[in-house]
Amino acid sequence: MVQSATVRGMSPLADVMVVEDDRSIRETLAEALADEGFAVTWAANGAEALHLLHGARAPRLILLDLTMPVMDGWEFRKALREDPALARIPVVIISADRGLAQKASSLAADGYLAKPFHLEALLSTVHRYC
């Protein structure tokens, strides 16, 4: 299921996409970002996210989990890098995986946040790219 959230009555600061299979994490991230004034789109896996990306304007940032069903973060990142229209979108990995810095580097990610992370770290990261 692909969803979108924004603060009503405000122009969004920027579009952010959250690609995360855990519903509670996905909804919490979307709510926190929307409360900060970002337009947020989310998807439960990489396949849903790619479908959404091909049908709308590109977000300013993608927050990407690595471990998901259907299409994981590794496959999604590969697909992004192979598509010239999507390759330039900054990607920040959000994961509890061990060795996250090395994994983010091997994926040519623009950054990473190790779960669990503080809201301040999330917002600082998002503001850096948006």
N, C-alpha and C. Protein backbone atom coordinates (compact mmCIF):
# COMPACT_ATOMS: atom_id res chain seq x y z
N MET A 1 0.84 -1.18 0.00
CA MET A 1 0.00 0.00 0.00
C MET A 1 0.89 1.24 0.00
N VAL A 2 0.63 2.16 -0.87
CA VAL A 2 1.38 3.40 -0.98
C VAL A 2 0.52 4.51 -0.39
N GLN A 3 1.10 5.29 0.47
CA GLN A 3 0.36 6.34 1.15
C GLN A 3 1.11 7.66 1.04
N SER A 4 0.42 8.72 1.35
CA SER A 4 1.01 10.05 1.34
C SER A 4 0.47 10.84 2.52
N ALA A 5 1.31 11.70 3.09
CA ALA A 5 0.88 12.53 4.21
C ALA A 5 1.52 13.90 4.09
N THR A 6 0.77 14.92 4.39
CA THR A 6 1.29 16.29 4.46
C THR A 6 0.53 17.03 5.54
N VAL A 7 1.10 18.13 5.98
CA VAL A 7 0.41 18.98 6.93
C VAL A 7 -0.62 19.78 6.15
N ARG A 8 -1.86 19.80 6.59
CA ARG A 8 -2.93 20.49 5.88
C ARG A 8 -2.71 22.00 5.91
N GLY A 9 -2.97 22.64 4.77
CA GLY A 9 -2.94 24.07 4.71
C GLY A 9 -1.56 24.69 4.55
N MET A 10 -0.53 23.89 4.42
CA MET A 10 0.82 24.41 4.29
C MET A 10 1.44 23.90 3.01
N SER A 11 2.30 24.71 2.40
CA SER A 11 3.10 24.21 1.29
C SER A 11 4.22 23.37 1.88
N PRO A 12 4.46 22.19 1.35
CA PRO A 12 5.50 21.35 1.93
C PRO A 12 6.88 21.93 1.69
N LEU A 13 7.79 21.68 2.63
CA LEU A 13 9.18 22.08 2.48
C LEU A 13 9.81 21.34 1.31
N ALA A 14 9.56 20.05 1.23
CA ALA A 14 10.09 19.20 0.16
C ALA A 14 9.41 17.85 0.25
N ASP A 15 9.51 17.07 -0.83
CA ASP A 15 8.96 15.72 -0.85
C ASP A 15 10.01 14.74 -0.33
N VAL A 16 9.59 13.87 0.57
CA VAL A 16 10.44 12.81 1.11
C VAL A 16 9.69 11.49 0.93
N MET A 17 10.40 10.47 0.47
CA MET A 17 9.81 9.13 0.35
C MET A 17 10.40 8.23 1.43
N VAL A 18 9.53 7.50 2.12
CA VAL A 18 9.94 6.52 3.12
C VAL A 18 9.63 5.14 2.55
N VAL A 19 10.66 4.29 2.43
CA VAL A 19 10.48 2.93 1.93
C VAL A 19 10.83 2.00 3.10
N GLU A 20 9.80 1.47 3.74
CA GLU A 20 9.96 0.73 4.99
C GLU A 20 8.82 -0.27 5.12
N ASP A 21 9.13 -1.53 5.40
CA ASP A 21 8.09 -2.55 5.49
C ASP A 21 7.38 -2.58 6.83
N ASP A 22 8.01 -2.10 7.89
CA ASP A 22 7.37 -2.10 9.21
C ASP A 22 6.38 -0.94 9.29
N ARG A 23 5.10 -1.30 9.35
CA ARG A 23 4.04 -0.29 9.29
C ARG A 23 4.18 0.77 10.38
N SER A 24 4.45 0.36 11.61
CA SER A 24 4.52 1.34 12.70
C SER A 24 5.70 2.29 12.51
N ILE A 25 6.83 1.79 12.05
CA ILE A 25 7.98 2.67 11.78
C ILE A 25 7.64 3.61 10.63
N ARG A 26 7.09 3.06 9.57
CA ARG A 26 6.72 3.85 8.39
C ARG A 26 5.77 4.99 8.77
N GLU A 27 4.73 4.66 9.53
CA GLU A 27 3.75 5.67 9.91
C GLU A 27 4.34 6.70 10.87
N THR A 28 5.19 6.27 11.78
CA THR A 28 5.84 7.19 12.72
C THR A 28 6.75 8.16 11.99
N LEU A 29 7.55 7.65 11.05
CA LEU A 29 8.43 8.52 10.26
C LEU A 29 7.61 9.51 9.45
N ALA A 30 6.57 9.02 8.80
CA ALA A 30 5.73 9.89 7.97
C ALA A 30 5.08 10.99 8.81
N GLU A 31 4.58 10.63 9.97
CA GLU A 31 3.93 11.61 10.83
C GLU A 31 4.94 12.66 11.32
N ALA A 32 6.11 12.21 11.75
CA ALA A 32 7.13 13.14 12.24
C ALA A 32 7.56 14.11 11.14
N LEU A 33 7.75 13.59 9.94
CA LEU A 33 8.18 14.45 8.82
C LEU A 33 7.07 15.39 8.38
N ALA A 34 5.84 14.89 8.34
CA ALA A 34 4.70 15.75 7.98
C ALA A 34 4.53 16.86 9.00
N ASP A 35 4.73 16.55 10.28
CA ASP A 35 4.63 17.57 11.33
C ASP A 35 5.67 18.66 11.16
N GLU A 36 6.79 18.32 10.53
CA GLU A 36 7.86 19.29 10.25
C GLU A 36 7.61 20.06 8.96
N GLY A 37 6.56 19.70 8.23
CA GLY A 37 6.21 20.42 7.02
C GLY A 37 6.63 19.77 5.72
N PHE A 38 7.08 18.53 5.77
CA PHE A 38 7.47 17.82 4.56
C PHE A 38 6.27 17.07 3.97
N ALA A 39 6.23 16.98 2.66
CA ALA A 39 5.27 16.11 1.99
C ALA A 39 5.90 14.72 2.01
N VAL A 40 5.20 13.75 2.51
CA VAL A 40 5.76 12.41 2.68
C VAL A 40 4.96 11.39 1.89
N THR A 41 5.68 10.59 1.12
CA THR A 41 5.09 9.46 0.43
C THR A 41 5.78 8.23 0.98
N TRP A 42 5.03 7.14 1.14
CA TRP A 42 5.68 5.94 1.64
C TRP A 42 5.21 4.71 0.91
N ALA A 43 6.08 3.69 0.98
CA ALA A 43 5.80 2.40 0.36
C ALA A 43 6.35 1.31 1.28
N ALA A 44 5.75 0.12 1.21
CA ALA A 44 6.13 -0.99 2.08
C ALA A 44 7.28 -1.82 1.53
N ASN A 45 7.67 -1.59 0.28
CA ASN A 45 8.80 -2.34 -0.29
C ASN A 45 9.30 -1.59 -1.52
N GLY A 46 10.41 -2.05 -2.04
CA GLY A 46 11.03 -1.39 -3.18
C GLY A 46 10.20 -1.40 -4.44
N ALA A 47 9.45 -2.48 -4.68
CA ALA A 47 8.62 -2.55 -5.89
C ALA A 47 7.53 -1.49 -5.86
N GLU A 48 6.87 -1.33 -4.71
CA GLU A 48 5.86 -0.29 -4.58
C GLU A 48 6.48 1.09 -4.76
N ALA A 49 7.64 1.28 -4.20
CA ALA A 49 8.32 2.58 -4.30
C ALA A 49 8.69 2.90 -5.75
N LEU A 50 9.21 1.92 -6.48
CA LEU A 50 9.55 2.15 -7.89
C LEU A 50 8.31 2.50 -8.70
N HIS A 51 7.23 1.79 -8.45
CA HIS A 51 5.98 2.08 -9.14
C HIS A 51 5.56 3.53 -8.88
N LEU A 52 5.64 3.95 -7.63
CA LEU A 52 5.26 5.30 -7.26
C LEU A 52 6.20 6.33 -7.90
N LEU A 53 7.49 6.05 -7.90
CA LEU A 53 8.47 6.98 -8.47
C LEU A 53 8.26 7.20 -9.96
N HIS A 54 7.82 6.18 -10.66
CA HIS A 54 7.61 6.32 -12.09
C HIS A 54 6.31 7.05 -12.43
N GLY A 55 5.47 7.26 -11.44
CA GLY A 55 4.20 7.92 -11.70
C GLY A 55 4.07 9.31 -11.11
N ALA A 56 5.13 9.82 -10.50
CA ALA A 56 5.03 11.12 -9.84
C ALA A 56 6.36 11.86 -9.95
N ARG A 57 6.37 13.10 -9.46
CA ARG A 57 7.64 13.82 -9.47
C ARG A 57 8.56 13.21 -8.42
N ALA A 58 9.83 13.32 -8.68
CA ALA A 58 10.83 12.69 -7.81
C ALA A 58 10.90 13.41 -6.46
N PRO A 59 11.05 12.66 -5.38
CA PRO A 59 11.23 13.28 -4.07
C PRO A 59 12.63 13.88 -3.96
N ARG A 60 12.81 14.73 -2.98
CA ARG A 60 14.13 15.31 -2.73
C ARG A 60 15.03 14.34 -1.97
N LEU A 61 14.42 13.34 -1.29
CA LEU A 61 15.18 12.38 -0.49
C LEU A 61 14.38 11.10 -0.36
N ILE A 62 15.10 9.97 -0.33
CA ILE A 62 14.48 8.67 -0.05
C ILE A 62 15.12 8.11 1.21
N LEU A 63 14.29 7.76 2.19
CA LEU A 63 14.72 7.05 3.38
C LEU A 63 14.43 5.58 3.13
N LEU A 64 15.46 4.74 3.13
CA LEU A 64 15.34 3.36 2.64
C LEU A 64 15.76 2.32 3.66
N ASP A 65 14.84 1.44 4.01
CA ASP A 65 15.16 0.26 4.81
C ASP A 65 15.82 -0.76 3.88
N LEU A 66 16.64 -1.65 4.43
CA LEU A 66 17.30 -2.66 3.60
C LEU A 66 16.54 -3.97 3.55
N THR A 67 15.98 -4.40 4.67
CA THR A 67 15.34 -5.70 4.75
C THR A 67 13.83 -5.57 4.61
N MET A 68 13.34 -5.95 3.41
CA MET A 68 11.91 -5.85 3.11
C MET A 68 11.53 -7.02 2.21
N PRO A 69 10.26 -7.40 2.23
CA PRO A 69 9.80 -8.44 1.31
C PRO A 69 9.62 -7.87 -0.10
N VAL A 70 9.37 -8.71 -1.05
CA VAL A 70 9.09 -8.40 -2.45
C VAL A 70 10.33 -7.85 -3.15
N MET A 71 10.75 -6.63 -2.80
CA MET A 71 11.99 -6.05 -3.33
C MET A 71 12.68 -5.36 -2.16
N ASP A 72 13.85 -5.89 -1.78
CA ASP A 72 14.56 -5.32 -0.64
C ASP A 72 15.30 -4.04 -1.03
N GLY A 73 15.93 -3.43 -0.04
CA GLY A 73 16.63 -2.18 -0.26
C GLY A 73 17.80 -2.30 -1.23
N TRP A 74 18.47 -3.44 -1.23
CA TRP A 74 19.59 -3.66 -2.15
C TRP A 74 19.10 -3.64 -3.61
N GLU A 75 18.04 -4.39 -3.87
CA GLU A 75 17.48 -4.44 -5.23
C GLU A 75 16.92 -3.08 -5.65
N PHE A 76 16.25 -2.41 -4.73
CA PHE A 76 15.69 -1.10 -5.02
C PHE A 76 16.79 -0.11 -5.36
N ARG A 77 17.85 -0.10 -4.56
CA ARG A 77 18.95 0.83 -4.81
C ARG A 77 19.60 0.56 -6.17
N LYS A 78 19.74 -0.71 -6.52
CA LYS A 78 20.31 -1.07 -7.82
C LYS A 78 19.43 -0.53 -8.94
N ALA A 79 18.11 -0.70 -8.81
CA ALA A 79 17.18 -0.21 -9.82
C ALA A 79 17.25 1.32 -9.93
N LEU A 80 17.36 2.01 -8.81
CA LEU A 80 17.49 3.47 -8.84
C LEU A 80 18.74 3.90 -9.61
N ARG A 81 19.85 3.25 -9.29
CA ARG A 81 21.12 3.64 -9.90
C ARG A 81 21.15 3.36 -11.40
N GLU A 82 20.35 2.41 -11.86
CA GLU A 82 20.31 2.07 -13.29
C GLU A 82 19.33 2.94 -14.08
N ASP A 83 18.53 3.75 -13.41
CA ASP A 83 17.55 4.60 -14.07
C ASP A 83 18.02 6.05 -14.02
N PRO A 84 18.40 6.62 -15.17
CA PRO A 84 18.92 7.99 -15.17
C PRO A 84 17.97 9.02 -14.56
N ALA A 85 16.67 8.79 -14.67
CA ALA A 85 15.69 9.73 -14.11
C ALA A 85 15.64 9.67 -12.59
N LEU A 86 16.11 8.58 -12.00
CA LEU A 86 16.03 8.39 -10.54
C LEU A 86 17.38 8.35 -9.85
N ALA A 87 18.44 8.17 -10.60
CA ALA A 87 19.77 7.92 -10.03
C ALA A 87 20.29 9.06 -9.15
N ARG A 88 19.84 10.26 -9.38
CA ARG A 88 20.38 11.41 -8.64
C ARG A 88 19.64 11.72 -7.35
N ILE A 89 18.58 10.99 -7.06
CA ILE A 89 17.83 11.23 -5.82
C ILE A 89 18.69 10.75 -4.65
N PRO A 90 18.95 11.61 -3.67
CA PRO A 90 19.71 11.18 -2.50
C PRO A 90 18.97 10.08 -1.74
N VAL A 91 19.75 9.10 -1.26
CA VAL A 91 19.19 7.98 -0.51
C VAL A 91 19.91 7.88 0.83
N VAL A 92 19.13 7.83 1.90
CA VAL A 92 19.67 7.60 3.23
C VAL A 92 19.12 6.26 3.71
N ILE A 93 20.02 5.35 4.07
CA ILE A 93 19.64 4.03 4.55
C ILE A 93 19.21 4.15 6.01
N ILE A 94 18.08 3.52 6.34
CA ILE A 94 17.62 3.42 7.73
C ILE A 94 17.50 1.93 8.04
N SER A 95 18.34 1.44 8.91
CA SER A 95 18.37 0.00 9.14
C SER A 95 18.99 -0.33 10.49
N ALA A 96 18.65 -1.51 10.99
CA ALA A 96 19.26 -2.03 12.20
C ALA A 96 20.34 -3.05 11.86
N ASP A 97 20.65 -3.21 10.58
CA ASP A 97 21.67 -4.17 10.15
C ASP A 97 23.03 -3.87 10.76
N ARG A 98 23.78 -4.91 11.04
CA ARG A 98 25.15 -4.74 11.51
C ARG A 98 26.01 -4.28 10.33
N GLY A 99 27.06 -3.55 10.64
CA GLY A 99 27.95 -3.07 9.59
C GLY A 99 27.28 -2.09 8.66
N LEU A 100 26.41 -1.26 9.19
CA LEU A 100 25.59 -0.38 8.37
C LEU A 100 26.43 0.63 7.58
N ALA A 101 27.49 1.16 8.17
CA ALA A 101 28.32 2.14 7.46
C ALA A 101 28.91 1.51 6.19
N GLN A 102 29.39 0.29 6.31
CA GLN A 102 29.98 -0.39 5.15
C GLN A 102 28.90 -0.71 4.12
N LYS A 103 27.74 -1.15 4.56
CA LYS A 103 26.64 -1.46 3.63
C LYS A 103 26.18 -0.20 2.90
N ALA A 104 26.05 0.90 3.63
CA ALA A 104 25.63 2.16 3.00
C ALA A 104 26.66 2.60 1.97
N SER A 105 27.93 2.42 2.30
CA SER A 105 28.99 2.77 1.35
C SER A 105 28.94 1.90 0.10
N SER A 106 28.73 0.61 0.27
CA SER A 106 28.69 -0.29 -0.89
C SER A 106 27.47 -0.02 -1.77
N LEU A 107 26.43 0.56 -1.19
CA LEU A 107 25.23 0.91 -1.95
C LEU A 107 25.32 2.33 -2.53
N ALA A 108 26.43 3.00 -2.29
CA ALA A 108 26.61 4.40 -2.72
C ALA A 108 25.48 5.27 -2.17
N ALA A 109 25.08 4.98 -0.93
CA ALA A 109 24.04 5.78 -0.28
C ALA A 109 24.66 7.11 0.16
N ASP A 110 23.82 8.10 0.28
CA ASP A 110 24.28 9.43 0.67
C ASP A 110 24.45 9.56 2.18
N GLY A 111 23.87 8.62 2.91
CA GLY A 111 23.98 8.63 4.36
C GLY A 111 23.26 7.44 4.94
N TYR A 112 23.29 7.34 6.27
CA TYR A 112 22.59 6.25 6.94
C TYR A 112 22.25 6.66 8.36
N LEU A 113 21.19 6.04 8.88
CA LEU A 113 20.77 6.18 10.26
C LEU A 113 20.56 4.77 10.80
N ALA A 114 21.24 4.45 11.89
CA ALA A 114 21.09 3.13 12.50
C ALA A 114 19.87 3.14 13.41
N LYS A 115 18.99 2.16 13.20
CA LYS A 115 17.81 2.00 14.06
C LYS A 115 18.25 1.38 15.38
N PRO A 116 17.70 1.80 16.48
CA PRO A 116 16.79 2.92 16.63
C PRO A 116 17.57 4.23 16.61
N PHE A 117 16.99 5.26 16.03
CA PHE A 117 17.63 6.56 16.00
C PHE A 117 16.72 7.59 16.66
N HIS A 118 17.30 8.71 17.06
CA HIS A 118 16.54 9.78 17.70
C HIS A 118 15.88 10.65 16.63
N LEU A 119 14.74 11.19 16.97
CA LEU A 119 14.00 12.05 16.06
C LEU A 119 14.88 13.21 15.59
N GLU A 120 15.68 13.76 16.49
CA GLU A 120 16.55 14.88 16.12
C GLU A 120 17.54 14.49 15.03
N ALA A 121 18.06 13.27 15.09
CA ALA A 121 19.00 12.80 14.07
C ALA A 121 18.29 12.65 12.73
N LEU A 122 17.07 12.13 12.75
CA LEU A 122 16.28 12.00 11.52
C LEU A 122 16.04 13.37 10.90
N LEU A 123 15.54 14.30 11.69
CA LEU A 123 15.21 15.61 11.17
C LEU A 123 16.43 16.36 10.67
N SER A 124 17.53 16.24 11.37
CA SER A 124 18.77 16.86 10.93
C SER A 124 19.21 16.31 9.58
N THR A 125 19.12 15.00 9.43
CA THR A 125 19.49 14.34 8.17
C THR A 125 18.59 14.79 7.04
N VAL A 126 17.30 14.79 7.27
CA VAL A 126 16.34 15.18 6.23
C VAL A 126 16.55 16.64 5.83
N HIS A 127 16.74 17.51 6.81
CA HIS A 127 16.97 18.92 6.50
C HIS A 127 18.27 19.11 5.69
N ARG A 128 19.25 18.29 5.94
CA ARG A 128 20.53 18.38 5.20
C ARG A 128 20.31 18.17 3.71
N TYR A 129 19.40 17.27 3.35
CA TYR A 129 19.19 16.95 1.94
C TYR A 129 18.00 17.71 1.32
N CYS A 130 17.19 18.30 2.14
CA CYS A 130 16.00 19.00 1.63
C CYS A 130 16.09 20.48 1.92
